[in-house]
Each structure stands twice: as C-alpha cells, then as structure tokens.
Amino acid sequence: MLVCQNCGQPLKRPDRAYFLLQVPHRTLGEIRSFLQVNAVAYCPDCVQIVQTKTFS
C-alpha cells in the first residue's frame, strides 16, 4: 500500500498520487519495480507543500 511521505495518509487505488523520483540513467524497462524502489509518493494536498519547498 502506498502512503504519503509527508502526512502518512494511505493512498488508495482511485486516488491521485504524485511521485518524486530521479530520472534513471537508462530507459525504464519495468516501470512498476522502478517506482517501488525509487519513487516517493505524495497525496494531492501535500504535493503543493513539496512544490513550494522545491521552488523556494
């Protein structure tokens, strides 16, 4: 189950989730496994907080 890294809210299947990840050096062969290992999930409410921190 995915959980928002900022607030800890569980993200369910129909919900929107935003992922912060680095672009890989090679092409993505298996997207699902790459996201499980390298991505950080955020809920729609917290992604606004992350964006303002990043752009400041």
PDB file of N, CA and C in Angstrom:
ATOM      1  N   MET A   1       0.838  -1.176   0.000  1.00  0.00           N
ATOM      2  CA  MET A   1       0.000   0.000   0.000  1.00  0.00           C
ATOM      3  C   MET A   1       0.889   1.247   0.000  1.00  0.00           C
ATOM      4  N   LEU A   2       0.515   2.199  -0.814  1.00  0.00           N
ATOM      5  CA  LEU A   2       1.256   3.456  -0.862  1.00  0.00           C
ATOM      6  C   LEU A   2       0.800   4.376   0.254  1.00  0.00           C
ATOM      7  N   VAL A   3       1.749   5.104   0.824  1.00  0.00           N
ATOM      8  CA  VAL A   3       1.467   6.047   1.896  1.00  0.00           C
ATOM      9  C   VAL A   3       2.153   7.361   1.552  1.00  0.00           C
ATOM     10  N   CYS A   4       1.460   8.473   1.783  1.00  0.00           N
ATOM     11  CA  CYS A   4       2.047   9.791   1.544  1.00  0.00           C
ATOM     12  C   CYS A   4       3.241   9.984   2.478  1.00  0.00           C
ATOM     13  N   GLN A   5       4.366  10.405   1.928  1.00  0.00           N
ATOM     14  CA  GLN A   5       5.581  10.572   2.715  1.00  0.00           C
ATOM     15  C   GLN A   5       5.528  11.790   3.628  1.00  0.00           C
ATOM     16  N   ASN A   6       4.612  12.714   3.372  1.00  0.00           N
ATOM     17  CA  ASN A   6       4.530  13.928   4.179  1.00  0.00           C
ATOM     18  C   ASN A   6       3.554  13.775   5.341  1.00  0.00           C
ATOM     19  N   CYS A   7       2.329  13.315   5.065  1.00  0.00           N
ATOM     20  CA  CYS A   7       1.306  13.260   6.116  1.00  0.00           C
ATOM     21  C   CYS A   7       0.987  11.846   6.579  1.00  0.00           C
ATOM     22  N   GLY A   8       1.423  10.823   5.853  1.00  0.00           N
ATOM     23  CA  GLY A   8       1.169   9.449   6.257  1.00  0.00           C
ATOM     24  C   GLY A   8      -0.185   8.907   5.852  1.00  0.00           C
ATOM     25  N   GLN A   9      -0.938   9.663   5.065  1.00  0.00           N
ATOM     26  CA  GLN A   9      -2.263   9.236   4.618  1.00  0.00           C
ATOM     27  C   GLN A   9      -2.120   8.091   3.610  1.00  0.00           C
ATOM     28  N   PRO A  10      -2.873   6.991   3.798  1.00  0.00           N
ATOM     29  CA  PRO A  10      -2.807   5.894   2.821  1.00  0.00           C
ATOM     30  C   PRO A  10      -3.433   6.324   1.494  1.00  0.00           C
ATOM     31  N   LEU A  11      -2.804   5.952   0.405  1.00  0.00           N
ATOM     32  CA  LEU A  11      -3.297   6.285  -0.924  1.00  0.00           C
ATOM     33  C   LEU A  11      -3.962   5.049  -1.513  1.00  0.00           C
ATOM     34  N   LYS A  12      -5.231   5.172  -1.834  1.00  0.00           N
ATOM     35  CA  LYS A  12      -5.999   4.043  -2.370  1.00  0.00           C
ATOM     36  C   LYS A  12      -5.990   4.085  -3.891  1.00  0.00           C
ATOM     37  N   ARG A  13      -6.473   3.060  -4.525  1.00  0.00           N
ATOM     38  CA  ARG A  13      -6.414   2.923  -5.980  1.00  0.00           C
ATOM     39  C   ARG A  13      -7.075   4.069  -6.764  1.00  0.00           C
ATOM     40  N   PRO A  14      -8.286   4.497  -6.457  1.00  0.00           N
ATOM     41  CA  PRO A  14      -8.846   5.570  -7.301  1.00  0.00           C
ATOM     42  C   PRO A  14      -8.279   6.957  -6.993  1.00  0.00           C
ATOM     43  N   ASP A  15      -7.518   7.093  -5.910  1.00  0.00           N
ATOM     44  CA  ASP A  15      -6.956   8.392  -5.543  1.00  0.00           C
ATOM     45  C   ASP A  15      -5.828   8.782  -6.488  1.00  0.00           C
ATOM     46  N   ARG A  16      -5.559  10.077  -6.544  1.00  0.00           N
ATOM     47  CA  ARG A  16      -4.397  10.561  -7.279  1.00  0.00           C
ATOM     48  C   ARG A  16      -3.193  10.529  -6.366  1.00  0.00           C
ATOM     49  N   ALA A  17      -2.070  10.189  -6.948  1.00  0.00           N
ATOM     50  CA  ALA A  17      -0.808  10.199  -6.208  1.00  0.00           C
ATOM     51  C   ALA A  17       0.244  10.858  -7.083  1.00  0.00           C
ATOM     52  N   TYR A  18       1.153  11.546  -6.459  1.00  0.00           N
ATOM     53  CA  TYR A  18       2.245  12.206  -7.158  1.00  0.00           C
ATOM     54  C   TYR A  18       3.549  11.596  -6.678  1.00  0.00           C
ATOM     55  N   PHE A  19       4.465  11.388  -7.600  1.00  0.00           N
ATOM     56  CA  PHE A  19       5.710  10.712  -7.282  1.00  0.00           C
ATOM     57  C   PHE A  19       6.891  11.624  -7.569  1.00  0.00           C
ATOM     58  N   LEU A  20       7.788  11.683  -6.616  1.00  0.00           N
ATOM     59  CA  LEU A  20       9.045  12.388  -6.789  1.00  0.00           C
ATOM     60  C   LEU A  20      10.117  11.334  -7.022  1.00  0.00           C
ATOM     61  N   LEU A  21      10.787  11.406  -8.177  1.00  0.00           N
ATOM     62  CA  LEU A  21      11.816  10.429  -8.469  1.00  0.00           C
ATOM     63  C   LEU A  21      12.860  11.035  -9.383  1.00  0.00           C
ATOM     64  N   GLN A  22      14.031  10.458  -9.363  1.00  0.00           N
ATOM     65  CA  GLN A  22      15.099  10.887 -10.249  1.00  0.00           C
ATOM     66  C   GLN A  22      14.962  10.175 -11.579  1.00  0.00           C
ATOM     67  N   VAL A  23      15.305  10.851 -12.643  1.00  0.00           N
ATOM     68  CA  VAL A  23      15.275  10.241 -13.962  1.00  0.00           C
ATOM     69  C   VAL A  23      16.402   9.211 -14.026  1.00  0.00           C
ATOM     70  N   PRO A  24      16.073   7.984 -14.437  1.00  0.00           N
ATOM     71  CA  PRO A  24      17.109   6.941 -14.458  1.00  0.00           C
ATOM     72  C   PRO A  24      18.131   7.187 -15.562  1.00  0.00           C
ATOM     73  N   HIS A  25      19.316   6.610 -15.378  1.00  0.00           N
ATOM     74  CA  HIS A  25      20.370   6.725 -16.375  1.00  0.00           C
ATOM     75  C   HIS A  25      20.017   5.946 -17.634  1.00  0.00           C
ATOM     76  N   ARG A  26      19.334   4.834 -17.464  1.00  0.00           N
ATOM     77  CA  ARG A  26      18.926   4.015 -18.607  1.00  0.00           C
ATOM     78  C   ARG A  26      17.429   4.183 -18.816  1.00  0.00           C
ATOM     79  N   THR A  27      16.898   3.552 -19.828  1.00  0.00           N
ATOM     80  CA  THR A  27      15.459   3.607 -20.080  1.00  0.00           C
ATOM     81  C   THR A  27      14.726   2.754 -19.054  1.00  0.00           C
ATOM     82  N   LEU A  28      13.464   3.049 -18.871  1.00  0.00           N
ATOM     83  CA  LEU A  28      12.652   2.289 -17.920  1.00  0.00           C
ATOM     84  C   LEU A  28      12.180   0.996 -18.572  1.00  0.00           C
ATOM     85  N   GLY A  29      12.693  -0.106 -18.116  1.00  0.00           N
ATOM     86  CA  GLY A  29      12.254  -1.399 -18.632  1.00  0.00           C
ATOM     87  C   GLY A  29      11.036  -1.895 -17.880  1.00  0.00           C
ATOM     88  N   GLU A  30      11.070  -1.796 -16.581  1.00  0.00           N
ATOM     89  CA  GLU A  30       9.968  -2.254 -15.734  1.00  0.00           C
ATOM     90  C   GLU A  30       9.574  -1.097 -14.836  1.00  0.00           C
ATOM     91  N   ILE A  31       8.559  -0.368 -15.217  1.00  0.00           N
ATOM     92  CA  ILE A  31       8.169   0.844 -14.509  1.00  0.00           C
ATOM     93  C   ILE A  31       7.700   0.558 -13.088  1.00  0.00           C
ATOM     94  N   ARG A  32       6.921  -0.468 -12.896  1.00  0.00           N
ATOM     95  CA  ARG A  32       6.373  -0.765 -11.573  1.00  0.00           C
ATOM     96  C   ARG A  32       7.476  -1.027 -10.550  1.00  0.00           C
ATOM     97  N   SER A  33       8.445  -1.854 -10.896  1.00  0.00           N
ATOM     98  CA  SER A  33       9.515  -2.144  -9.943  1.00  0.00           C
ATOM     99  C   SER A  33      10.400  -0.931  -9.723  1.00  0.00           C
ATOM    100  N   PHE A  34      10.616  -0.113 -10.761  1.00  0.00           N
ATOM    101  CA  PHE A  34      11.407   1.107 -10.605  1.00  0.00           C
ATOM    102  C   PHE A  34      10.725   2.060  -9.626  1.00  0.00           C
ATOM    103  N   LEU A  35       9.396   2.222  -9.743  1.00  0.00           N
ATOM    104  CA  LEU A  35       8.665   3.102  -8.834  1.00  0.00           C
ATOM    105  C   LEU A  35       8.700   2.588  -7.401  1.00  0.00           C
ATOM    106  N   GLN A  36       8.588   1.291  -7.209  1.00  0.00           N
ATOM    107  CA  GLN A  36       8.617   0.729  -5.862  1.00  0.00           C
ATOM    108  C   GLN A  36       9.941   0.988  -5.170  1.00  0.00           C
ATOM    109  N   VAL A  37      11.019   0.976  -5.911  1.00  0.00           N
ATOM    110  CA  VAL A  37      12.342   1.141  -5.323  1.00  0.00           C
ATOM    111  C   VAL A  37      12.751   2.603  -5.216  1.00  0.00           C
ATOM    112  N   ASN A  38      12.421   3.411  -6.221  1.00  0.00           N
ATOM    113  CA  ASN A  38      12.997   4.739  -6.327  1.00  0.00           C
ATOM    114  C   ASN A  38      12.046   5.910  -6.111  1.00  0.00           C
ATOM    115  N   ALA A  39      10.750   5.684  -6.055  1.00  0.00           N
ATOM    116  CA  ALA A  39       9.807   6.792  -6.004  1.00  0.00           C
ATOM    117  C   ALA A  39       9.360   7.100  -4.578  1.00  0.00           C
ATOM    118  N   VAL A  40       9.008   8.360  -4.359  1.00  0.00           N
ATOM    119  CA  VAL A  40       8.442   8.815  -3.093  1.00  0.00           C
ATOM    120  C   VAL A  40       7.050   9.339  -3.408  1.00  0.00           C
ATOM    121  N   ALA A  41       6.015   8.780  -2.764  1.00  0.00           N
ATOM    122  CA  ALA A  41       4.629   9.127  -3.066  1.00  0.00           C
ATOM    123  C   ALA A  41       4.137  10.271  -2.183  1.00  0.00           C
ATOM    124  N   TYR A  42       3.317  11.141  -2.772  1.00  0.00           N
ATOM    125  CA  TYR A  42       2.679  12.240  -2.057  1.00  0.00           C
ATOM    126  C   TYR A  42       1.215  12.310  -2.443  1.00  0.00           C
ATOM    127  N   CYS A  43       0.350  12.676  -1.493  1.00  0.00           N
ATOM    128  CA  CYS A  43      -1.067  12.881  -1.780  1.00  0.00           C
ATOM    129  C   CYS A  43      -1.231  14.254  -2.450  1.00  0.00           C
ATOM    130  N   PRO A  44      -2.378  14.533  -3.078  1.00  0.00           N
ATOM    131  CA  PRO A  44      -2.578  15.818  -3.762  1.00  0.00           C
ATOM    132  C   PRO A  44      -2.448  17.032  -2.843  1.00  0.00           C
ATOM    133  N   ASP A  45      -2.827  16.904  -1.592  1.00  0.00           N
ATOM    134  CA  ASP A  45      -2.721  18.038  -0.666  1.00  0.00           C
ATOM    135  C   ASP A  45      -1.266  18.354  -0.342  1.00  0.00           C
ATOM    136  N   CYS A  46      -0.463  17.335  -0.125  1.00  0.00           N
ATOM    137  CA  CYS A  46       0.929  17.536   0.280  1.00  0.00           C
ATOM    138  C   CYS A  46       1.839  17.883  -0.888  1.00  0.00           C
ATOM    139  N   VAL A  47       1.444  17.558  -2.115  1.00  0.00           N
ATOM    140  CA  VAL A  47       2.312  17.859  -3.246  1.00  0.00           C
ATOM    141  C   VAL A  47       2.465  19.369  -3.411  1.00  0.00           C
ATOM    142  N   GLN A  48       1.472  20.140  -3.008  1.00  0.00           N
ATOM    143  CA  GLN A  48       1.582  21.598  -3.055  1.00  0.00           C
ATOM    144  C   GLN A  48       2.666  22.085  -2.095  1.00  0.00           C
ATOM    145  N   ILE A  49       2.758  21.474  -0.935  1.00  0.00           N
ATOM    146  CA  ILE A  49       3.783  21.835   0.051  1.00  0.00           C
ATOM    147  C   ILE A  49       5.166  21.502  -0.499  1.00  0.00           C
ATOM    148  N   VAL A  50       5.304  20.351  -1.110  1.00  0.00           N
ATOM    149  CA  VAL A  50       6.594  19.925  -1.655  1.00  0.00           C
ATOM    150  C   VAL A  50       7.012  20.854  -2.798  1.00  0.00           C
ATOM    151  N   GLN A  51       6.067  21.253  -3.635  1.00  0.00           N
ATOM    152  CA  GLN A  51       6.383  22.127  -4.761  1.00  0.00           C
ATOM    153  C   GLN A  51       6.864  23.493  -4.260  1.00  0.00           C
ATOM    154  N   THR A  52       6.241  24.033  -3.238  1.00  0.00           N
ATOM    155  CA  THR A  52       6.671  25.343  -2.747  1.00  0.00           C
ATOM    156  C   THR A  52       8.044  25.257  -2.096  1.00  0.00           C
ATOM    157  N   LYS A  53       8.371  24.149  -1.432  1.00  0.00           N
ATOM    158  CA  LYS A  53       9.697  23.959  -0.850  1.00  0.00           C
ATOM    159  C   LYS A  53      10.746  23.839  -1.941  1.00  0.00           C
ATOM    160  N   THR A  54      10.411  23.150  -3.025  1.00  0.00           N
ATOM    161  CA  THR A  54      11.358  22.911  -4.108  1.00  0.00           C
ATOM    162  C   THR A  54      11.666  24.197  -4.862  1.00  0.00           C
ATOM    163  N   PHE A  55      10.652  25.022  -5.106  1.00  0.00           N
ATOM    164  CA  PHE A  55      10.847  26.216  -5.914  1.00  0.00           C
ATOM    165  C   PHE A  55      11.335  27.416  -5.114  1.00  0.00           C
ATOM    166  N   SER A  56      11.396  27.300  -3.810  1.00  0.00           N
ATOM    167  CA  SER A  56      11.850  28.435  -2.985  1.00  0.00           C
ATOM    168  C   SER A  56      13.361  28.529  -2.954  1.00  0.00           C
TER     169      SER A  56
END
